[in-house]
């Protein structure tokens, strides 16, 4: 499948301050990507560079096989066939829903424009609201209209800059899934910028984790969670604890919790003394297990409790337990390990 977007060794700087350092990744046609990271990591600057609003100091950006950016030369934004959805949606308050969606279709015939608007109204489920104005819509409905307006001209790629940031976390995740479905139905390649990992997991096929201007890892949500490339990714994605371990075989690590068996990253095999990342779902509640750990904290998460457990050495680990099993702080909880992947890092 051909690449729709390719960044190779792209750097962006404001004066002497480098905000993105030699970033490389690519997206296939119809794929949804995400730039994920904390504030100030360079993700929005990269999005603006892809759109043509920021120059780059090194590298190249290619769209649909055409080079659009290199140092001291780039194609203007209006010639890049890019759609954008902004944080505030930027809908025109004086235009109806239908007219907002059709705003960028002035080059089409009236019939073609009407058909495209009708198709998108049906796609976003707002046919009945075609004559309403933005202020008459809910936040989620405004989001869908903004998305449809950006999709209307069939851009080569759609850029979404923190489009759900003004909404609560449950609605953000729901809308991310809805937007993914809409983009897939229309076959549009897209890239999302967010600091919310659940939003990224719900929407993206490929996710790039950025920190301090560096791309730490580009991969699926599964790979980022279970096979983090470094400690930054391990810490930023999900929750977990690092425990000391010693590699004693190709798939075995000796720890305070006993010998753990699973897939170890090959490039760490020669280093015997490591820190092993244990996720809460690697630690299984088992009342019959001889292995016990003391509960020092618990957090109710609806279907589950997240328990913070202290081992005999004082080491802390985490465990998810179904919430109908309620245990009190100070109790000893029986546990066992089930970890298919064993992310290991150099001992800190």
C-alpha atoms as a PDB file:
ATOM      1  CA  UNK A   1       0.000   0.000   0.000  1.00  0.00           C
ATOM      2  CA  UNK A   2       1.461   3.417  -0.963  1.00  0.00           C
ATOM      3  CA  UNK A   3       2.420   6.018   1.623  1.00  0.00           C
ATOM      4  CA  UNK A   4       0.107   9.031   1.825  1.00  0.00           C
ATOM      5  CA  UNK A   5       2.384  10.942   4.199  1.00  0.00           C
ATOM      6  CA  UNK A   6       6.117  10.570   4.825  1.00  0.00           C
ATOM      7  CA  UNK A   7       8.314  12.609   7.158  1.00  0.00           C
ATOM      8  CA  UNK A   8      12.048  11.953   6.957  1.00  0.00           C
ATOM      9  CA  UNK A   9      14.528  13.522   9.424  1.00  0.00           C
ATOM     10  CA  UNK A  10      12.257  16.553   9.949  1.00  0.00           C
ATOM     11  CA  UNK A  11      13.493  19.185  12.412  1.00  0.00           C
ATOM     12  CA  UNK A  12      11.663  22.359  13.458  1.00  0.00           C
ATOM     13  CA  UNK A  13      13.206  25.186  15.467  1.00  0.00           C
ATOM     14  CA  UNK A  14      12.274  28.642  16.709  1.00  0.00           C
ATOM     15  CA  UNK A  15      15.586  30.466  16.801  1.00  0.00           C
ATOM     16  CA  UNK A  16      17.971  28.240  18.759  1.00  0.00           C
ATOM     17  CA  UNK A  17      15.131  26.275  20.372  1.00  0.00           C
ATOM     18  CA  UNK A  18      14.610  22.923  18.608  1.00  0.00           C
ATOM     19  CA  UNK A  19      11.017  21.734  19.099  1.00  0.00           C
ATOM     20  CA  UNK A  20      11.205  18.676  16.811  1.00  0.00           C
ATOM     21  CA  UNK A  21      14.452  16.810  16.225  1.00  0.00           C
ATOM     22  CA  UNK A  22      14.858  14.606  13.118  1.00  0.00           C
ATOM     23  CA  UNK A  23      11.405  13.065  13.159  1.00  0.00           C
ATOM     24  CA  UNK A  24      10.662  10.245  10.706  1.00  0.00           C
ATOM     25  CA  UNK A  25       7.435   8.290  10.174  1.00  0.00           C
ATOM     26  CA  UNK A  26       4.949   7.446   7.432  1.00  0.00           C
ATOM     27  CA  UNK A  27       1.222   6.802   7.027  1.00  0.00           C
ATOM     28  CA  UNK A  28      -0.369   4.585   4.398  1.00  0.00           C
ATOM     29  CA  UNK A  29      -3.409   5.588   2.357  1.00  0.00           C
ATOM     30  CA  UNK A  30      -6.534   5.339   4.534  1.00  0.00           C
ATOM     31  CA  UNK A  31      -4.549   4.972   7.768  1.00  0.00           C
ATOM     32  CA  UNK A  32      -5.174   7.081  10.875  1.00  0.00           C
ATOM     33  CA  UNK A  33      -2.087   8.233  12.761  1.00  0.00           C
ATOM     34  CA  UNK A  34      -1.607  10.073  16.017  1.00  0.00           C
ATOM     35  CA  UNK A  35       1.089  12.277  17.524  1.00  0.00           C
ATOM     36  CA  UNK A  36       0.801  11.697  21.269  1.00  0.00           C
ATOM     37  CA  UNK A  37       2.688  13.445  24.016  1.00  0.00           C
ATOM     38  CA  UNK A  38       2.666  16.029  26.811  1.00  0.00           C
ATOM     39  CA  UNK A  39       2.378  19.776  26.245  1.00  0.00           C
ATOM     40  CA  UNK A  40       5.426  21.314  24.612  1.00  0.00           C
ATOM     41  CA  UNK A  41       6.694  18.084  23.056  1.00  0.00           C
ATOM     42  CA  UNK A  42       6.529  19.364  19.458  1.00  0.00           C
ATOM     43  CA  UNK A  43       3.418  17.554  18.224  1.00  0.00           C
ATOM     44  CA  UNK A  44       1.430  20.641  17.165  1.00  0.00           C
ATOM     45  CA  UNK A  45       4.491  22.151  15.458  1.00  0.00           C
ATOM     46  CA  UNK A  46       4.827  18.957  13.411  1.00  0.00           C
ATOM     47  CA  UNK A  47       1.154  19.117  12.462  1.00  0.00           C
ATOM     48  CA  UNK A  48       1.560  22.740  11.368  1.00  0.00           C
ATOM     49  CA  UNK A  49       4.635  21.798   9.324  1.00  0.00           C
ATOM     50  CA  UNK A  50       2.655  19.075   7.544  1.00  0.00           C
ATOM     51  CA  UNK A  51      -0.049  21.659   6.803  1.00  0.00           C
ATOM     52  CA  UNK A  52       2.536  24.116   5.479  1.00  0.00           C
ATOM     53  CA  UNK A  53       2.232  26.709   8.233  1.00  0.00           C
ATOM     54  CA  UNK A  54       5.718  26.055   9.666  1.00  0.00           C
ATOM     55  CA  UNK A  55       9.050  25.817   7.796  1.00  0.00           C
ATOM     56  CA  UNK A  56      11.393  22.909   8.524  1.00  0.00           C
ATOM     57  CA  UNK A  57      15.120  23.157   9.205  1.00  0.00           C
ATOM     58  CA  UNK A  58      16.098  19.637   8.090  1.00  0.00           C
ATOM     59  CA  UNK A  59      14.530  16.730   6.242  1.00  0.00           C
ATOM     60  CA  UNK A  60      11.588  16.406   3.887  1.00  0.00           C
ATOM     61  CA  UNK A  61       7.803  16.039   4.013  1.00  0.00           C
ATOM     62  CA  UNK A  62       6.064  14.156   1.198  1.00  0.00           C
ATOM     63  CA  UNK A  63       2.302  14.062   0.567  1.00  0.00           C
ATOM     64  CA  UNK A  64       0.850  11.556  -1.878  1.00  0.00           C
ATOM     65  CA  UNK A  65       4.311  10.963  -3.362  1.00  0.00           C
ATOM     66  CA  UNK A  66       5.020  14.674  -3.845  1.00  0.00           C
ATOM     67  CA  UNK A  67       7.646  16.569  -1.844  1.00  0.00           C
ATOM     68  CA  UNK A  68       5.927  19.545  -0.207  1.00  0.00           C
ATOM     69  CA  UNK A  69       8.525  20.681   2.366  1.00  0.00           C
ATOM     70  CA  UNK A  70      12.287  20.854   2.612  1.00  0.00           C
ATOM     71  CA  UNK A  71      14.613  23.483   4.134  1.00  0.00           C
ATOM     72  CA  UNK A  72      14.033  26.923   2.578  1.00  0.00           C
ATOM     73  CA  UNK A  73      11.385  25.607   0.180  1.00  0.00           C
ATOM     74  CA  UNK A  74       7.829  24.475   0.735  1.00  0.00           C
ATOM     75  CA  UNK A  75       4.485  24.301  -1.021  1.00  0.00           C
ATOM     76  CA  UNK A  76       1.950  26.835   0.347  1.00  0.00           C
ATOM     77  CA  UNK A  77      -0.842  25.403   2.563  1.00  0.00           C
ATOM     78  CA  UNK A  78      -3.577  26.151   0.005  1.00  0.00           C
ATOM     79  CA  UNK A  79      -1.836  23.920  -2.556  1.00  0.00           C
ATOM     80  CA  UNK A  80      -1.436  20.870  -0.282  1.00  0.00           C
ATOM     81  CA  UNK A  81      -4.983  19.436  -0.411  1.00  0.00           C
ATOM     82  CA  UNK A  82      -5.107  19.232   3.367  1.00  0.00           C
ATOM     83  CA  UNK A  83      -8.156  19.467   5.612  1.00  0.00           C
ATOM     84  CA  UNK A  84      -7.938  20.684   9.213  1.00  0.00           C
ATOM     85  CA  UNK A  85     -10.168  20.343  12.264  1.00  0.00           C
ATOM     86  CA  UNK A  86      -9.291  22.734  15.080  1.00  0.00           C
ATOM     87  CA  UNK A  87      -9.804  22.656  18.855  1.00  0.00           C
ATOM     88  CA  UNK A  88     -12.621  25.217  18.727  1.00  0.00           C
ATOM     89  CA  UNK A  89     -14.214  23.692  15.571  1.00  0.00           C
ATOM     90  CA  UNK A  90     -14.186  27.194  13.919  1.00  0.00           C
ATOM     91  CA  UNK A  91     -17.698  26.800  12.477  1.00  0.00           C
ATOM     92  CA  UNK A  92     -19.257  29.829  10.824  1.00  0.00           C
ATOM     93  CA  UNK A  93     -22.012  30.971  13.231  1.00  0.00           C
ATOM     94  CA  UNK A  94     -24.055  32.690  10.501  1.00  0.00           C
ATOM     95  CA  UNK A  95     -24.204  29.594   8.258  1.00  0.00           C
ATOM     96  CA  UNK A  96     -26.475  26.583   8.626  1.00  0.00           C
ATOM     97  CA  UNK A  97     -25.098  23.091   9.169  1.00  0.00           C
ATOM     98  CA  UNK A  98     -25.482  22.298   5.445  1.00  0.00           C
ATOM     99  CA  UNK A  99     -23.835  25.549   4.367  1.00  0.00           C
ATOM    100  CA  UNK A 100     -20.936  25.016   6.806  1.00  0.00           C
ATOM    101  CA  UNK A 101     -20.297  21.577   5.314  1.00  0.00           C
ATOM    102  CA  UNK A 102     -20.529  22.846   1.747  1.00  0.00           C
ATOM    103  CA  UNK A 103     -18.397  25.950   2.335  1.00  0.00           C
ATOM    104  CA  UNK A 104     -15.256  24.608   0.619  1.00  0.00           C
ATOM    105  CA  UNK A 105     -17.044  23.089  -2.373  1.00  0.00           C
ATOM    106  CA  UNK A 106     -17.443  26.223  -4.497  1.00  0.00           C
ATOM    107  CA  UNK A 107     -15.565  24.600  -7.408  1.00  0.00           C
ATOM    108  CA  UNK A 108     -18.209  21.890  -7.774  1.00  0.00           C
ATOM    109  CA  UNK A 109     -21.434  22.219  -9.740  1.00  0.00           C
ATOM    110  CA  UNK A 110     -24.516  22.954  -7.642  1.00  0.00           C
ATOM    111  CA  UNK A 111     -25.749  19.377  -8.052  1.00  0.00           C
ATOM    112  CA  UNK A 112     -22.396  17.816  -7.119  1.00  0.00           C
ATOM    113  CA  UNK A 113     -22.118  20.134  -4.124  1.00  0.00           C
ATOM    114  CA  UNK A 114     -25.630  19.244  -2.941  1.00  0.00           C
ATOM    115  CA  UNK A 115     -24.926  15.505  -3.334  1.00  0.00           C
ATOM    116  CA  UNK A 116     -21.657  15.703  -1.384  1.00  0.00           C
ATOM    117  CA  UNK A 117     -23.279  17.686   1.447  1.00  0.00           C
ATOM    118  CA  UNK A 118     -26.170  15.200   1.545  1.00  0.00           C
ATOM    119  CA  UNK A 119     -23.774  12.249   1.688  1.00  0.00           C
ATOM    120  CA  UNK A 120     -21.870  13.803   4.603  1.00  0.00           C
ATOM    121  CA  UNK A 121     -25.023  14.802   6.480  1.00  0.00           C
ATOM    122  CA  UNK A 122     -26.143  11.176   6.317  1.00  0.00           C
ATOM    123  CA  UNK A 123     -22.673   9.987   7.300  1.00  0.00           C
ATOM    124  CA  UNK A 124     -22.585  12.129  10.450  1.00  0.00           C
ATOM    125  CA  UNK A 125     -26.246  11.459  11.265  1.00  0.00           C
ATOM    126  CA  UNK A 126     -27.364  15.093  11.139  1.00  0.00           C
ATOM    127  CA  UNK A 127     -29.673  15.185   8.101  1.00  0.00           C
ATOM    128  CA  UNK A 128     -32.508  16.506  10.271  1.00  0.00           C
ATOM    129  CA  UNK A 129     -30.321  19.368  11.511  1.00  0.00           C
ATOM    130  CA  UNK A 130     -29.308  20.652   8.060  1.00  0.00           C
ATOM    131  CA  UNK A 131     -31.049  24.017   8.548  1.00  0.00           C
ATOM    132  CA  UNK A 132     -29.931  24.569  12.114  1.00  0.00           C
ATOM    133  CA  UNK A 133     -27.099  26.875  13.154  1.00  0.00           C
ATOM    134  CA  UNK A 134     -24.002  25.897  15.195  1.00  0.00           C
ATOM    135  CA  UNK A 135     -25.275  27.469  18.436  1.00  0.00           C
ATOM    136  CA  UNK A 136     -28.302  25.161  18.282  1.00  0.00           C
ATOM    137  CA  UNK A 137     -26.130  22.044  18.348  1.00  0.00           C
ATOM    138  CA  UNK A 138     -24.441  20.129  21.162  1.00  0.00           C
ATOM    139  CA  UNK A 139     -20.643  20.034  21.390  1.00  0.00           C
ATOM    140  CA  UNK A 140     -20.561  16.536  19.909  1.00  0.00           C
ATOM    141  CA  UNK A 141     -22.783  17.584  17.002  1.00  0.00           C
ATOM    142  CA  UNK A 142     -20.611  20.645  16.328  1.00  0.00           C
ATOM    143  CA  UNK A 143     -17.601  18.327  16.279  1.00  0.00           C
ATOM    144  CA  UNK A 144     -19.216  16.156  13.612  1.00  0.00           C
ATOM    145  CA  UNK A 145     -20.122  19.181  11.484  1.00  0.00           C
ATOM    146  CA  UNK A 146     -16.535  20.499  11.701  1.00  0.00           C
ATOM    147  CA  UNK A 147     -15.281  17.069  10.672  1.00  0.00           C
ATOM    148  CA  UNK A 148     -17.718  16.837   7.742  1.00  0.00           C
ATOM    149  CA  UNK A 149     -16.719  20.311   6.535  1.00  0.00           C
ATOM    150  CA  UNK A 150     -13.047  19.311   6.551  1.00  0.00           C
ATOM    151  CA  UNK A 151     -13.828  16.000   4.810  1.00  0.00           C
ATOM    152  CA  UNK A 152     -16.078  17.572   2.157  1.00  0.00           C
ATOM    153  CA  UNK A 153     -13.389  18.469  -0.458  1.00  0.00           C
ATOM    154  CA  UNK A 154     -11.881  14.955  -0.108  1.00  0.00           C
ATOM    155  CA  UNK A 155      -8.456  16.155   1.091  1.00  0.00           C
ATOM    156  CA  UNK A 156      -5.379  13.973   0.612  1.00  0.00           C
ATOM    157  CA  UNK A 157      -4.972  14.023   4.390  1.00  0.00           C
ATOM    158  CA  UNK A 158      -6.990  15.363   7.313  1.00  0.00           C
ATOM    159  CA  UNK A 159      -5.219  16.967  10.287  1.00  0.00           C
ATOM    160  CA  UNK A 160      -6.967  17.092  13.669  1.00  0.00           C
ATOM    161  CA  UNK A 161      -5.438  19.381  16.305  1.00  0.00           C
ATOM    162  CA  UNK A 162      -6.673  18.323  19.797  1.00  0.00           C
ATOM    163  CA  UNK A 163     -10.262  18.296  18.429  1.00  0.00           C
ATOM    164  CA  UNK A 164     -11.813  16.806  21.589  1.00  0.00           C
ATOM    165  CA  UNK A 165      -9.863  18.769  24.207  1.00  0.00           C
ATOM    166  CA  UNK A 166     -12.837  20.852  25.397  1.00  0.00           C
ATOM    167  CA  UNK A 167     -14.904  17.755  26.226  1.00  0.00           C
ATOM    168  CA  UNK A 168     -14.938  15.462  29.243  1.00  0.00           C
ATOM    169  CA  UNK A 169     -12.905  12.246  29.059  1.00  0.00           C
ATOM    170  CA  UNK A 170     -15.829   9.854  28.430  1.00  0.00           C
ATOM    171  CA  UNK A 171     -17.158  11.973  25.554  1.00  0.00           C
ATOM    172  CA  UNK A 172     -13.641  12.373  24.105  1.00  0.00           C
ATOM    173  CA  UNK A 173     -13.190   8.628  23.817  1.00  0.00           C
ATOM    174  CA  UNK A 174     -16.681   8.117  22.359  1.00  0.00           C
ATOM    175  CA  UNK A 175     -16.169  10.850  19.752  1.00  0.00           C
ATOM    176  CA  UNK A 176     -12.731   9.502  18.859  1.00  0.00           C
ATOM    177  CA  UNK A 177     -14.340   6.147  18.013  1.00  0.00           C
ATOM    178  CA  UNK A 178     -17.099   7.881  16.022  1.00  0.00           C
ATOM    179  CA  UNK A 179     -14.612   9.991  14.084  1.00  0.00           C
ATOM    180  CA  UNK A 180     -12.517   6.906  13.302  1.00  0.00           C
ATOM    181  CA  UNK A 181     -15.602   5.175  11.895  1.00  0.00           C
ATOM    182  CA  UNK A 182     -16.520   8.204   9.753  1.00  0.00           C
ATOM    183  CA  UNK A 183     -13.004   8.571   8.355  1.00  0.00           C
ATOM    184  CA  UNK A 184     -12.812   4.870   7.550  1.00  0.00           C
ATOM    185  CA  UNK A 185     -16.167   4.963   5.780  1.00  0.00           C
ATOM    186  CA  UNK A 186     -14.958   7.819   3.570  1.00  0.00           C
ATOM    187  CA  UNK A 187     -11.461   6.311   3.126  1.00  0.00           C
ATOM    188  CA  UNK A 188      -9.639   9.415   4.383  1.00  0.00           C
ATOM    189  CA  UNK A 189      -6.065   9.369   5.700  1.00  0.00           C
ATOM    190  CA  UNK A 190      -5.766  11.401   8.905  1.00  0.00           C
ATOM    191  CA  UNK A 191      -3.408  12.368  11.683  1.00  0.00           C
ATOM    192  CA  UNK A 192      -4.502  13.401  15.171  1.00  0.00           C
ATOM    193  CA  UNK A 193      -2.616  15.431  17.768  1.00  0.00           C
ATOM    194  CA  UNK A 194      -3.507  14.732  21.404  1.00  0.00           C
ATOM    195  CA  UNK A 195      -2.108  14.358  24.920  1.00  0.00           C
ATOM    196  CA  UNK A 196      -4.798  11.783  25.823  1.00  0.00           C
ATOM    197  CA  UNK A 197      -3.686   8.177  25.332  1.00  0.00           C
ATOM    198  CA  UNK A 198      -7.215   6.733  25.545  1.00  0.00           C
ATOM    199  CA  UNK A 199      -8.268   9.066  22.738  1.00  0.00           C
ATOM    200  CA  UNK A 200      -5.245   7.930  20.720  1.00  0.00           C
ATOM    201  CA  UNK A 201      -6.001   4.231  21.331  1.00  0.00           C
ATOM    202  CA  UNK A 202      -9.664   4.696  20.344  1.00  0.00           C
ATOM    203  CA  UNK A 203      -8.890   6.423  17.055  1.00  0.00           C
ATOM    204  CA  UNK A 204      -5.444   5.673  15.628  1.00  0.00           C
ATOM    205  CA  UNK A 205      -3.902   2.781  13.719  1.00  0.00           C
ATOM    206  CA  UNK A 206      -0.366   4.065  14.344  1.00  0.00           C
ATOM    207  CA  UNK A 207       0.762   6.255  17.246  1.00  0.00           C
ATOM    208  CA  UNK A 208       3.951   8.250  17.666  1.00  0.00           C
ATOM    209  CA  UNK A 209       4.971   9.052  21.251  1.00  0.00           C
ATOM    210  CA  UNK A 210       6.787  12.391  21.420  1.00  0.00           C
ATOM    211  CA  UNK A 211       8.761  13.872  24.303  1.00  0.00           C
ATOM    212  CA  UNK A 212      11.046  16.915  24.326  1.00  0.00           C
ATOM    213  CA  UNK A 213      11.026  17.078  20.537  1.00  0.00           C
ATOM    214  CA  UNK A 214      12.053  13.423  20.097  1.00  0.00           C
ATOM    215  CA  UNK A 215       9.984  10.641  18.552  1.00  0.00           C
ATOM    216  CA  UNK A 216      10.492   7.845  21.087  1.00  0.00           C
ATOM    217  CA  UNK A 217       8.393   5.200  19.346  1.00  0.00           C
ATOM    218  CA  UNK A 218       6.045   4.813  16.360  1.00  0.00           C
ATOM    219  CA  UNK A 219       3.748   1.795  16.487  1.00  0.00           C
ATOM    220  CA  UNK A 220       0.325   0.407  17.339  1.00  0.00           C
ATOM    221  CA  UNK A 221      -1.284   1.014  20.715  1.00  0.00           C
ATOM    222  CA  UNK A 222      -0.631  -2.652  21.567  1.00  0.00           C
ATOM    223  CA  UNK A 223       3.084  -2.276  20.801  1.00  0.00           C
ATOM    224  CA  UNK A 224       3.403   0.926  22.829  1.00  0.00           C
ATOM    225  CA  UNK A 225       1.716  -0.652  25.859  1.00  0.00           C
ATOM    226  CA  UNK A 226       3.264  -4.124  25.802  1.00  0.00           C
ATOM    227  CA  UNK A 227       6.577  -3.441  24.028  1.00  0.00           C
ATOM    228  CA  UNK A 228       7.642   0.124  24.960  1.00  0.00           C
ATOM    229  CA  UNK A 229      10.879   1.165  23.269  1.00  0.00           C
ATOM    230  CA  UNK A 230      12.214   3.054  26.289  1.00  0.00           C
ATOM    231  CA  UNK A 231      11.398   4.252  29.789  1.00  0.00           C
ATOM    232  CA  UNK A 232       9.734   7.438  28.532  1.00  0.00           C
ATOM    233  CA  UNK A 233       7.158   5.415  26.574  1.00  0.00           C
ATOM    234  CA  UNK A 234       6.762   2.916  29.421  1.00  0.00           C
ATOM    235  CA  UNK A 235       6.033   5.760  31.840  1.00  0.00           C
ATOM    236  CA  UNK A 236       3.798   7.803  29.524  1.00  0.00           C
ATOM    237  CA  UNK A 237       1.651   4.929  28.241  1.00  0.00           C
ATOM    238  CA  UNK A 238      -0.539   3.171  30.783  1.00  0.00           C
ATOM    239  CA  UNK A 239       0.580   2.507  34.324  1.00  0.00           C
ATOM    240  CA  UNK A 240       3.157   0.133  35.675  1.00  0.00           C
ATOM    241  CA  UNK A 241       6.016  -0.507  38.076  1.00  0.00           C
ATOM    242  CA  UNK A 242       9.675  -1.310  37.476  1.00  0.00           C
ATOM    243  CA  UNK A 243      11.012  -4.167  39.574  1.00  0.00           C
ATOM    244  CA  UNK A 244      14.615  -5.464  39.672  1.00  0.00           C
ATOM    245  CA  UNK A 245      15.248  -8.679  37.797  1.00  0.00           C
ATOM    246  CA  UNK A 246      17.952 -10.967  36.436  1.00  0.00           C
ATOM    247  CA  UNK A 247      17.667 -12.617  33.025  1.00  0.00           C
ATOM    248  CA  UNK A 248      18.430 -16.322  33.510  1.00  0.00           C
ATOM    249  CA  UNK A 249      17.341 -17.620  30.097  1.00  0.00           C
ATOM    250  CA  UNK A 250      15.986 -16.554  26.688  1.00  0.00           C
ATOM    251  CA  UNK A 251      12.479 -16.178  28.131  1.00  0.00           C
ATOM    252  CA  UNK A 252      12.961 -16.130  31.904  1.00  0.00           C
ATOM    253  CA  UNK A 253      13.648 -13.435  34.497  1.00  0.00           C
ATOM    254  CA  UNK A 254      14.251 -14.082  38.189  1.00  0.00           C
ATOM    255  CA  UNK A 255      12.521 -11.483  40.396  1.00  0.00           C
ATOM    256  CA  UNK A 256      11.377 -11.046  43.979  1.00  0.00           C
ATOM    257  CA  UNK A 257       8.067 -12.493  42.769  1.00  0.00           C
ATOM    258  CA  UNK A 258       9.759 -15.644  41.489  1.00  0.00           C
ATOM    259  CA  UNK A 259      10.739 -16.622  37.962  1.00  0.00           C
ATOM    260  CA  UNK A 260       8.720 -14.786  35.325  1.00  0.00           C
ATOM    261  CA  UNK A 261       8.381 -16.371  31.890  1.00  0.00           C
ATOM    262  CA  UNK A 262       7.573 -14.458  28.708  1.00  0.00           C
ATOM    263  CA  UNK A 263       8.896 -12.780  25.587  1.00  0.00           C
ATOM    264  CA  UNK A 264      11.989 -10.631  26.273  1.00  0.00           C
ATOM    265  CA  UNK A 265      13.241  -8.012  23.799  1.00  0.00           C
ATOM    266  CA  UNK A 266      16.216  -9.604  21.996  1.00  0.00           C
ATOM    267  CA  UNK A 267      18.547  -6.623  22.334  1.00  0.00           C
ATOM    268  CA  UNK A 268      18.451  -6.926  26.129  1.00  0.00           C
ATOM    269  CA  UNK A 269      19.377 -10.621  26.319  1.00  0.00           C
ATOM    270  CA  UNK A 270      23.094  -9.965  26.889  1.00  0.00           C
ATOM    271  CA  UNK A 271      22.383  -7.683  29.831  1.00  0.00           C
ATOM    272  CA  UNK A 272      21.484  -9.914  32.763  1.00  0.00           C
ATOM    273  CA  UNK A 273      20.651  -7.301  35.399  1.00  0.00           C
ATOM    274  CA  UNK A 274      17.549  -5.355  34.358  1.00  0.00           C
ATOM    275  CA  UNK A 275      14.460  -3.515  35.496  1.00  0.00           C
ATOM    276  CA  UNK A 276      11.269  -5.325  34.459  1.00  0.00           C
ATOM    277  CA  UNK A 277       8.096  -3.375  33.678  1.00  0.00           C
ATOM    278  CA  UNK A 278       4.996  -4.967  35.212  1.00  0.00           C
ATOM    279  CA  UNK A 279       1.594  -3.619  34.136  1.00  0.00           C
ATOM    280  CA  UNK A 280      -1.417  -3.898  36.486  1.00  0.00           C
ATOM    281  CA  UNK A 281      -2.929  -6.545  34.195  1.00  0.00           C
ATOM    282  CA  UNK A 282       0.235  -8.690  34.520  1.00  0.00           C
ATOM    283  CA  UNK A 283      -0.475  -9.156  38.253  1.00  0.00           C
ATOM    284  CA  UNK A 284      -3.419 -11.520  38.745  1.00  0.00           C
ATOM    285  CA  UNK A 285      -5.485 -11.736  41.941  1.00  0.00           C
ATOM    286  CA  UNK A 286      -5.410 -15.344  43.214  1.00  0.00           C
ATOM    287  CA  UNK A 287      -6.525 -16.126  46.789  1.00  0.00           C
ATOM    288  CA  UNK A 288      -4.956 -19.587  46.539  1.00  0.00           C
ATOM    289  CA  UNK A 289      -1.508 -18.285  45.643  1.00  0.00           C
ATOM    290  CA  UNK A 290       1.231 -18.597  48.290  1.00  0.00           C
ATOM    291  CA  UNK A 291       2.609 -15.289  47.000  1.00  0.00           C
ATOM    292  CA  UNK A 292       1.135 -12.394  48.990  1.00  0.00           C
ATOM    293  CA  UNK A 293       1.519  -8.610  48.914  1.00  0.00           C
ATOM    294  CA  UNK A 294       0.155  -5.956  51.232  1.00  0.00           C
ATOM    295  CA  UNK A 295      -2.503  -3.536  49.983  1.00  0.00           C
ATOM    296  CA  UNK A 296      -1.408   0.025  50.713  1.00  0.00           C
ATOM    297  CA  UNK A 297      -3.873   1.857  48.443  1.00  0.00           C
ATOM    298  CA  UNK A 298      -6.890   1.194  46.256  1.00  0.00           C
ATOM    299  CA  UNK A 299      -8.729   3.198  43.617  1.00  0.00           C
ATOM    300  CA  UNK A 300     -12.256   2.350  42.483  1.00  0.00           C
ATOM    301  CA  UNK A 301     -12.491   2.215  38.667  1.00  0.00           C
ATOM    302  CA  UNK A 302     -16.043   0.915  38.288  1.00  0.00           C
ATOM    303  CA  UNK A 303     -15.643  -2.656  37.037  1.00  0.00           C
ATOM    304  CA  UNK A 304     -12.285  -2.997  38.776  1.00  0.00           C
ATOM    305  CA  UNK A 305     -10.224  -1.752  41.689  1.00  0.00           C
ATOM    306  CA  UNK A 306      -6.637  -0.692  41.056  1.00  0.00           C
ATOM    307  CA  UNK A 307      -4.675  -1.888  44.077  1.00  0.00           C
ATOM    308  CA  UNK A 308      -1.223  -0.602  44.982  1.00  0.00           C
ATOM    309  CA  UNK A 309       0.654  -3.472  46.590  1.00  0.00           C
ATOM    310  CA  UNK A 310       3.863  -3.521  48.637  1.00  0.00           C
ATOM    311  CA  UNK A 311       6.194  -6.499  48.422  1.00  0.00           C
ATOM    312  CA  UNK A 312       8.405  -7.691  51.301  1.00  0.00           C
ATOM    313  CA  UNK A 313      11.317  -5.593  49.984  1.00  0.00           C
ATOM    314  CA  UNK A 314       9.182  -2.449  49.987  1.00  0.00           C
ATOM    315  CA  UNK A 315       8.845  -2.550  46.171  1.00  0.00           C
ATOM    316  CA  UNK A 316       5.453  -1.296  44.899  1.00  0.00           C
ATOM    317  CA  UNK A 317       3.442  -2.986  42.148  1.00  0.00           C
ATOM    318  CA  UNK A 318      -0.115  -2.591  40.830  1.00  0.00           C
ATOM    319  CA  UNK A 319      -2.939  -5.088  40.390  1.00  0.00           C
ATOM    320  CA  UNK A 320      -6.388  -4.868  38.788  1.00  0.00           C
ATOM    321  CA  UNK A 321      -9.097  -6.811  40.631  1.00  0.00           C
ATOM    322  CA  UNK A 322     -12.792  -7.116  39.763  1.00  0.00           C
ATOM    323  CA  UNK A 323     -14.651  -4.719  42.029  1.00  0.00           C
ATOM    324  CA  UNK A 324     -16.990  -7.328  43.522  1.00  0.00           C
ATOM    325  CA  UNK A 325     -13.831  -8.641  45.227  1.00  0.00           C
ATOM    326  CA  UNK A 326     -13.357  -5.872  47.777  1.00  0.00           C
ATOM    327  CA  UNK A 327     -10.217  -5.960  49.911  1.00  0.00           C
ATOM    328  CA  UNK A 328      -9.179  -3.464  52.550  1.00  0.00           C
ATOM    329  CA  UNK A 329      -6.006  -1.442  52.900  1.00  0.00           C
ATOM    330  CA  UNK A 330      -3.553  -3.363  55.080  1.00  0.00           C
ATOM    331  CA  UNK A 331      -4.762  -6.799  53.924  1.00  0.00           C
ATOM    332  CA  UNK A 332      -2.477  -9.292  52.220  1.00  0.00           C
ATOM    333  CA  UNK A 333      -3.627 -10.076  48.678  1.00  0.00           C
ATOM    334  CA  UNK A 334      -2.784 -13.370  46.974  1.00  0.00           C
ATOM    335  CA  UNK A 335      -1.245 -12.770  43.543  1.00  0.00           C
ATOM    336  CA  UNK A 336       0.430 -14.556  40.639  1.00  0.00           C
ATOM    337  CA  UNK A 337       2.051 -13.271  37.457  1.00  0.00           C
ATOM    338  CA  UNK A 338       0.802 -13.745  33.899  1.00  0.00           C
ATOM    339  CA  UNK A 339       2.983 -11.644  31.610  1.00  0.00           C
ATOM    340  CA  UNK A 340       3.298 -12.631  27.953  1.00  0.00           C
ATOM    341  CA  UNK A 341       5.592  -9.696  27.190  1.00  0.00           C
ATOM    342  CA  UNK A 342       8.517  -8.783  29.445  1.00  0.00           C
ATOM    343  CA  UNK A 343       9.670  -5.215  28.712  1.00  0.00           C
ATOM    344  CA  UNK A 344      13.093  -4.819  30.313  1.00  0.00           C
ATOM    345  CA  UNK A 345      15.367  -1.804  30.657  1.00  0.00           C
ATOM    346  CA  UNK A 346      18.842  -1.046  31.913  1.00  0.00           C
ATOM    347  CA  UNK A 347      18.904  -1.084  35.714  1.00  0.00           C
ATOM    348  CA  UNK A 348      18.454   2.477  36.960  1.00  0.00           C
END
